[in-house]
Amino acid sequence: MKTSAFALLPVAFCIAAVGCKSADFADIDLGTPMVGPYAVHVTQEAAFGPNETTKYALKPTPGKPDKIECWYGTETAQTAKVTASFDEGDSDFDCLVATPATTMPGDKLWFTLTTGAMTANGSVTPSP
């Protein structure tokens, strides 16, 4: 039996994409904190845990900041900051954040919104 190479494309794309959304994972609403002038709705779109890379969708309103950076930890002690990419289809920012092997009480998903000279930080607690 022959298998078309095109039939394997979704599987290959999912394997190549870090934080790929699983069909059995239901998005988790993490809240809508105020960050500077923006209300930022945050959705967790993949499993969260130590040594996991988790996809988050951040949708600020009103308007669109110039840049969003995300990290896991505390506001001052963090994993490497990751620049979120703007998703034109959903009009939100997608951010793939790696969680370290050891997490500490009080660690959160943090993000910085930048618009011109204004920067502001916000956070939410990921759901296991």
N, C-alpha and C. Protein backbone atom coordinates (compact mmCIF):
# COMPACT_ATOMS: atom_id res chain seq x y z
N MET A 1 0.84 -1.17 0.00
CA MET A 1 0.00 0.00 0.00
C MET A 1 0.88 1.24 0.00
N LYS A 2 0.61 2.17 -0.90
CA LYS A 2 1.39 3.39 -1.00
C LYS A 2 0.73 4.49 -0.17
N THR A 3 1.58 5.31 0.44
CA THR A 3 1.09 6.47 1.19
C THR A 3 1.59 7.72 0.50
N SER A 4 0.68 8.62 0.25
CA SER A 4 1.05 9.88 -0.38
C SER A 4 1.89 10.71 0.57
N ALA A 5 2.91 11.36 0.06
CA ALA A 5 3.74 12.25 0.88
C ALA A 5 2.91 13.38 1.44
N PHE A 6 1.87 13.80 0.71
CA PHE A 6 1.01 14.89 1.18
C PHE A 6 0.21 14.48 2.41
N ALA A 7 -0.10 13.20 2.54
CA ALA A 7 -0.85 12.72 3.70
C ALA A 7 -0.03 12.86 4.98
N LEU A 8 1.29 12.87 4.86
CA LEU A 8 2.17 12.97 6.02
C LEU A 8 2.50 14.39 6.41
N LEU A 9 2.12 15.38 5.58
CA LEU A 9 2.47 16.78 5.88
C LEU A 9 1.99 17.25 7.23
N PRO A 10 0.73 17.04 7.65
CA PRO A 10 0.32 17.52 8.97
C PRO A 10 1.13 16.91 10.10
N VAL A 11 1.46 15.61 9.98
CA VAL A 11 2.26 14.95 11.00
C VAL A 11 3.67 15.54 11.03
N ALA A 12 4.27 15.73 9.87
CA ALA A 12 5.62 16.29 9.80
C ALA A 12 5.65 17.71 10.36
N PHE A 13 4.62 18.50 10.03
CA PHE A 13 4.57 19.87 10.53
C PHE A 13 4.43 19.86 12.04
N CYS A 14 3.59 19.01 12.58
CA CYS A 14 3.36 18.95 14.02
C CYS A 14 4.62 18.51 14.74
N ILE A 15 5.34 17.54 14.19
CA ILE A 15 6.58 17.08 14.81
C ILE A 15 7.62 18.19 14.78
N ALA A 16 7.67 18.96 13.70
CA ALA A 16 8.67 20.01 13.58
C ALA A 16 8.33 21.23 14.42
N ALA A 17 7.08 21.42 14.75
CA ALA A 17 6.65 22.61 15.50
C ALA A 17 6.73 22.36 16.99
N VAL A 18 7.50 23.17 17.69
CA VAL A 18 7.58 23.05 19.14
C VAL A 18 6.30 23.62 19.72
N GLY A 19 5.75 22.96 20.75
CA GLY A 19 4.53 23.44 21.36
C GLY A 19 3.32 23.20 20.50
N CYS A 20 3.39 22.18 19.65
CA CYS A 20 2.29 21.86 18.75
C CYS A 20 1.03 21.55 19.57
N LYS A 21 -0.07 22.04 19.13
CA LYS A 21 -1.33 21.88 19.84
C LYS A 21 -1.86 20.47 19.63
N SER A 22 -2.14 19.79 20.72
CA SER A 22 -2.66 18.44 20.67
C SER A 22 -4.17 18.48 20.48
N ALA A 23 -4.69 17.52 19.73
CA ALA A 23 -6.14 17.46 19.50
C ALA A 23 -6.89 17.20 20.80
N ASP A 24 -6.24 16.56 21.78
CA ASP A 24 -6.92 16.25 23.03
C ASP A 24 -6.67 17.30 24.12
N PHE A 25 -6.09 18.44 23.77
CA PHE A 25 -5.84 19.51 24.74
C PHE A 25 -6.86 20.62 24.55
N ALA A 26 -7.60 20.91 25.61
CA ALA A 26 -8.57 22.01 25.56
C ALA A 26 -7.88 23.28 26.03
N ASP A 27 -7.99 24.35 25.25
CA ASP A 27 -7.39 25.63 25.64
C ASP A 27 -7.85 26.02 27.04
N ILE A 28 -6.94 26.67 27.78
CA ILE A 28 -7.25 27.10 29.15
C ILE A 28 -7.16 28.62 29.20
N ASP A 29 -8.23 29.25 29.63
CA ASP A 29 -8.28 30.71 29.80
C ASP A 29 -7.55 31.05 31.10
N LEU A 30 -6.44 31.79 31.00
CA LEU A 30 -5.65 32.15 32.17
C LEU A 30 -5.98 33.54 32.72
N GLY A 31 -6.91 34.23 32.08
CA GLY A 31 -7.33 35.52 32.59
C GLY A 31 -6.99 36.67 31.66
N THR A 32 -7.34 37.88 32.11
CA THR A 32 -7.13 39.09 31.32
C THR A 32 -6.58 40.20 32.22
N PRO A 33 -5.27 40.16 32.50
CA PRO A 33 -4.71 41.22 33.34
C PRO A 33 -4.55 42.53 32.56
N MET A 34 -4.59 43.64 33.29
CA MET A 34 -4.29 44.96 32.70
C MET A 34 -2.77 45.14 32.71
N VAL A 35 -2.23 45.48 31.55
CA VAL A 35 -0.79 45.70 31.40
C VAL A 35 -0.63 47.03 30.69
N GLY A 36 -0.23 48.06 31.44
CA GLY A 36 -0.20 49.40 30.87
C GLY A 36 -1.61 49.74 30.39
N PRO A 37 -1.75 50.24 29.16
CA PRO A 37 -3.08 50.60 28.66
C PRO A 37 -3.87 49.43 28.07
N TYR A 38 -3.30 48.21 28.11
CA TYR A 38 -3.89 47.06 27.45
C TYR A 38 -4.53 46.08 28.43
N ALA A 39 -5.69 45.54 28.06
CA ALA A 39 -6.25 44.36 28.70
C ALA A 39 -5.73 43.18 27.86
N VAL A 40 -4.96 42.29 28.48
CA VAL A 40 -4.32 41.21 27.72
C VAL A 40 -4.98 39.88 28.08
N HIS A 41 -5.75 39.33 27.13
CA HIS A 41 -6.37 38.03 27.35
C HIS A 41 -5.33 36.95 27.04
N VAL A 42 -5.08 36.05 28.00
CA VAL A 42 -4.05 35.02 27.84
C VAL A 42 -4.71 33.64 27.84
N THR A 43 -4.37 32.86 26.82
CA THR A 43 -4.87 31.50 26.69
C THR A 43 -3.68 30.55 26.62
N GLN A 44 -3.73 29.49 27.42
CA GLN A 44 -2.72 28.43 27.36
C GLN A 44 -3.20 27.41 26.36
N GLU A 45 -2.37 27.13 25.33
CA GLU A 45 -2.80 26.26 24.23
C GLU A 45 -2.06 24.93 24.18
N ALA A 46 -1.30 24.59 25.23
CA ALA A 46 -0.59 23.31 25.27
C ALA A 46 -0.31 22.97 26.73
N ALA A 47 0.08 21.73 26.97
CA ALA A 47 0.35 21.27 28.34
C ALA A 47 1.48 22.07 28.97
N PHE A 48 1.39 22.26 30.29
CA PHE A 48 2.40 22.99 31.06
C PHE A 48 3.00 22.05 32.10
N GLY A 49 4.31 22.12 32.28
CA GLY A 49 5.00 21.35 33.31
C GLY A 49 6.49 21.51 33.16
N PRO A 50 7.26 20.98 34.13
CA PRO A 50 8.73 21.05 34.04
C PRO A 50 9.22 20.42 32.74
N ASN A 51 10.22 21.06 32.15
CA ASN A 51 10.83 20.60 30.88
C ASN A 51 9.85 20.58 29.72
N GLU A 52 8.78 21.35 29.78
CA GLU A 52 7.80 21.44 28.69
C GLU A 52 7.96 22.79 27.99
N THR A 53 7.64 22.82 26.71
CA THR A 53 7.51 24.08 25.99
C THR A 53 6.02 24.28 25.75
N THR A 54 5.51 25.37 26.27
CA THR A 54 4.07 25.62 26.25
C THR A 54 3.76 26.79 25.34
N LYS A 55 2.71 26.65 24.55
CA LYS A 55 2.26 27.73 23.67
C LYS A 55 1.19 28.54 24.39
N TYR A 56 1.36 29.86 24.36
CA TYR A 56 0.39 30.79 24.91
C TYR A 56 -0.03 31.76 23.81
N ALA A 57 -1.31 32.13 23.82
CA ALA A 57 -1.82 33.16 22.92
C ALA A 57 -2.15 34.38 23.77
N LEU A 58 -1.60 35.54 23.41
CA LEU A 58 -1.85 36.79 24.13
C LEU A 58 -2.55 37.75 23.19
N LYS A 59 -3.72 38.22 23.61
CA LYS A 59 -4.51 39.12 22.76
C LYS A 59 -4.76 40.42 23.51
N PRO A 60 -3.91 41.45 23.24
CA PRO A 60 -4.11 42.74 23.90
C PRO A 60 -5.17 43.57 23.19
N THR A 61 -5.95 44.29 23.99
CA THR A 61 -6.93 45.24 23.45
C THR A 61 -6.94 46.48 24.33
N PRO A 62 -7.21 47.64 23.85
CA PRO A 62 -7.42 47.94 22.43
C PRO A 62 -6.09 48.13 21.73
N GLY A 63 -6.06 47.90 20.46
CA GLY A 63 -4.86 48.12 19.66
C GLY A 63 -3.87 46.98 19.72
N LYS A 64 -2.69 47.26 19.18
CA LYS A 64 -1.64 46.24 19.06
C LYS A 64 -0.31 46.85 19.48
N PRO A 65 0.35 46.28 20.50
CA PRO A 65 1.67 46.80 20.87
C PRO A 65 2.71 46.50 19.78
N ASP A 66 3.84 47.19 19.86
CA ASP A 66 4.92 46.96 18.89
C ASP A 66 5.55 45.59 19.08
N LYS A 67 5.64 45.16 20.36
CA LYS A 67 6.35 43.91 20.64
C LYS A 67 5.85 43.34 21.97
N ILE A 68 5.82 42.00 22.05
CA ILE A 68 5.57 41.30 23.31
C ILE A 68 6.68 40.29 23.50
N GLU A 69 7.26 40.28 24.70
CA GLU A 69 8.27 39.28 25.08
C GLU A 69 7.72 38.49 26.27
N CYS A 70 7.97 37.19 26.28
CA CYS A 70 7.47 36.30 27.34
C CYS A 70 8.61 35.55 28.00
N TRP A 71 8.40 35.17 29.26
CA TRP A 71 9.35 34.31 29.96
C TRP A 71 8.64 33.64 31.12
N TYR A 72 9.27 32.61 31.69
CA TYR A 72 8.73 31.91 32.83
C TYR A 72 9.66 32.13 34.02
N GLY A 73 9.09 32.39 35.18
CA GLY A 73 9.87 32.59 36.40
C GLY A 73 9.24 33.68 37.23
N THR A 74 10.09 34.59 37.73
CA THR A 74 9.59 35.76 38.44
C THR A 74 9.84 36.98 37.57
N GLU A 75 9.41 38.12 38.04
CA GLU A 75 9.57 39.32 37.23
C GLU A 75 11.05 39.64 36.99
N THR A 76 11.91 39.30 37.96
CA THR A 76 13.33 39.64 37.84
C THR A 76 14.23 38.43 37.59
N ALA A 77 13.83 37.24 37.97
CA ALA A 77 14.62 36.02 37.73
C ALA A 77 13.85 35.17 36.74
N GLN A 78 14.41 34.98 35.57
CA GLN A 78 13.63 34.40 34.50
C GLN A 78 14.41 33.46 33.61
N THR A 79 13.65 32.70 32.84
CA THR A 79 14.23 31.97 31.73
C THR A 79 14.49 33.01 30.64
N ALA A 80 15.07 32.59 29.55
CA ALA A 80 15.35 33.52 28.46
C ALA A 80 14.04 34.12 27.94
N LYS A 81 14.06 35.42 27.66
CA LYS A 81 12.88 36.07 27.08
C LYS A 81 12.70 35.60 25.64
N VAL A 82 11.45 35.38 25.28
CA VAL A 82 11.09 34.93 23.94
C VAL A 82 10.19 35.99 23.33
N THR A 83 10.52 36.42 22.12
CA THR A 83 9.67 37.40 21.43
C THR A 83 8.49 36.68 20.80
N ALA A 84 7.29 37.13 21.11
CA ALA A 84 6.07 36.54 20.58
C ALA A 84 5.90 36.96 19.11
N SER A 85 5.31 36.09 18.33
CA SER A 85 5.04 36.41 16.92
C SER A 85 3.56 36.76 16.77
N PHE A 86 3.29 37.78 15.94
CA PHE A 86 1.91 38.19 15.73
C PHE A 86 1.25 37.26 14.72
N ASP A 87 0.10 36.72 15.09
CA ASP A 87 -0.66 35.80 14.24
C ASP A 87 -1.79 36.59 13.60
N GLU A 88 -1.63 36.94 12.32
CA GLU A 88 -2.63 37.74 11.60
C GLU A 88 -4.00 37.05 11.59
N GLY A 89 -4.01 35.72 11.48
CA GLY A 89 -5.27 34.98 11.41
C GLY A 89 -6.12 35.12 12.66
N ASP A 90 -5.47 35.11 13.83
CA ASP A 90 -6.19 35.20 15.10
C ASP A 90 -6.12 36.59 15.70
N SER A 91 -5.32 37.46 15.12
CA SER A 91 -5.08 38.81 15.67
C SER A 91 -4.59 38.74 17.11
N ASP A 92 -3.71 37.77 17.39
CA ASP A 92 -3.10 37.67 18.71
C ASP A 92 -1.62 37.39 18.56
N PHE A 93 -0.91 37.37 19.67
CA PHE A 93 0.52 37.08 19.69
C PHE A 93 0.71 35.68 20.24
N ASP A 94 1.48 34.84 19.53
CA ASP A 94 1.78 33.48 19.98
C ASP A 94 3.18 33.45 20.56
N CYS A 95 3.29 32.82 21.73
CA CYS A 95 4.58 32.77 22.42
C CYS A 95 4.83 31.34 22.89
N LEU A 96 5.97 30.77 22.53
CA LEU A 96 6.38 29.43 22.97
C LEU A 96 7.41 29.59 24.08
N VAL A 97 7.04 29.19 25.30
CA VAL A 97 7.90 29.42 26.46
C VAL A 97 8.32 28.08 27.07
N ALA A 98 9.63 27.89 27.24
CA ALA A 98 10.17 26.68 27.86
C ALA A 98 10.14 26.84 29.38
N THR A 99 9.68 25.79 30.05
CA THR A 99 9.67 25.77 31.51
C THR A 99 10.89 24.98 31.97
N PRO A 100 11.65 25.49 32.96
CA PRO A 100 12.83 24.76 33.42
C PRO A 100 12.46 23.45 34.12
N ALA A 101 13.46 22.60 34.34
CA ALA A 101 13.23 21.30 34.99
C ALA A 101 12.72 21.49 36.41
N THR A 102 13.17 22.53 37.09
CA THR A 102 12.74 22.80 38.45
C THR A 102 11.97 24.12 38.47
N THR A 103 10.73 24.05 38.94
CA THR A 103 9.93 25.26 39.07
C THR A 103 9.82 25.61 40.55
N MET A 104 9.66 26.89 40.83
CA MET A 104 9.60 27.37 42.21
C MET A 104 8.20 27.91 42.50
N PRO A 105 7.76 27.82 43.77
CA PRO A 105 6.48 28.44 44.11
C PRO A 105 6.52 29.93 43.76
N GLY A 106 5.46 30.41 43.17
CA GLY A 106 5.39 31.82 42.79
C GLY A 106 5.84 32.10 41.37
N ASP A 107 6.47 31.12 40.71
CA ASP A 107 6.85 31.31 39.30
C ASP A 107 5.59 31.47 38.46
N LYS A 108 5.68 32.31 37.43
CA LYS A 108 4.53 32.58 36.56
C LYS A 108 5.00 32.75 35.12
N LEU A 109 4.04 32.87 34.23
CA LEU A 109 4.31 33.32 32.87
C LEU A 109 4.28 34.85 32.94
N TRP A 110 5.39 35.46 32.58
CA TRP A 110 5.51 36.92 32.56
C TRP A 110 5.61 37.39 31.13
N PHE A 111 5.17 38.63 30.89
CA PHE A 111 5.28 39.19 29.55
C PHE A 111 5.44 40.70 29.65
N THR A 112 6.22 41.24 28.71
CA THR A 112 6.44 42.68 28.60
C THR A 112 5.82 43.14 27.29
N LEU A 113 5.00 44.17 27.36
CA LEU A 113 4.43 44.80 26.17
C LEU A 113 5.18 46.10 25.94
N THR A 114 5.59 46.33 24.71
CA THR A 114 6.31 47.54 24.34
C THR A 114 5.56 48.24 23.22
N THR A 115 5.30 49.53 23.44
CA THR A 115 4.70 50.39 22.41
C THR A 115 5.46 51.70 22.47
N GLY A 116 6.24 51.99 21.43
CA GLY A 116 7.07 53.19 21.46
C GLY A 116 8.01 53.14 22.65
N ALA A 117 8.00 54.17 23.49
CA ALA A 117 8.87 54.22 24.67
C ALA A 117 8.23 53.58 25.90
N MET A 118 6.96 53.17 25.82
CA MET A 118 6.26 52.59 26.95
C MET A 118 6.50 51.09 27.02
N THR A 119 6.88 50.60 28.20
CA THR A 119 6.95 49.16 28.47
C THR A 119 6.22 48.89 29.76
N ALA A 120 5.54 47.76 29.82
CA ALA A 120 4.81 47.37 31.02
C ALA A 120 4.82 45.86 31.12
N ASN A 121 4.90 45.33 32.35
CA ASN A 121 4.93 43.89 32.59
C ASN A 121 3.60 43.41 33.15
N GLY A 122 3.26 42.18 32.80
CA GLY A 122 2.10 41.51 33.35
C GLY A 122 2.42 40.04 33.56
N SER A 123 1.55 39.34 34.29
CA SER A 123 1.79 37.92 34.52
C SER A 123 0.49 37.19 34.75
N VAL A 124 0.55 35.88 34.52
CA VAL A 124 -0.54 34.94 34.83
C VAL A 124 0.10 33.65 35.32
N THR A 125 -0.68 32.84 35.99
CA THR A 125 -0.18 31.55 36.48
C THR A 125 -0.63 30.45 35.52
N PRO A 126 0.33 29.74 34.90
CA PRO A 126 -0.04 28.63 34.00
C PRO A 126 -0.79 27.54 34.75
N SER A 127 -1.58 26.76 34.00
CA SER A 127 -2.35 25.68 34.58
C SER A 127 -1.69 24.33 34.26
N PRO A 128 -1.44 23.52 35.29
CA PRO A 128 -0.81 22.20 35.03
C PRO A 128 -1.72 21.28 34.24
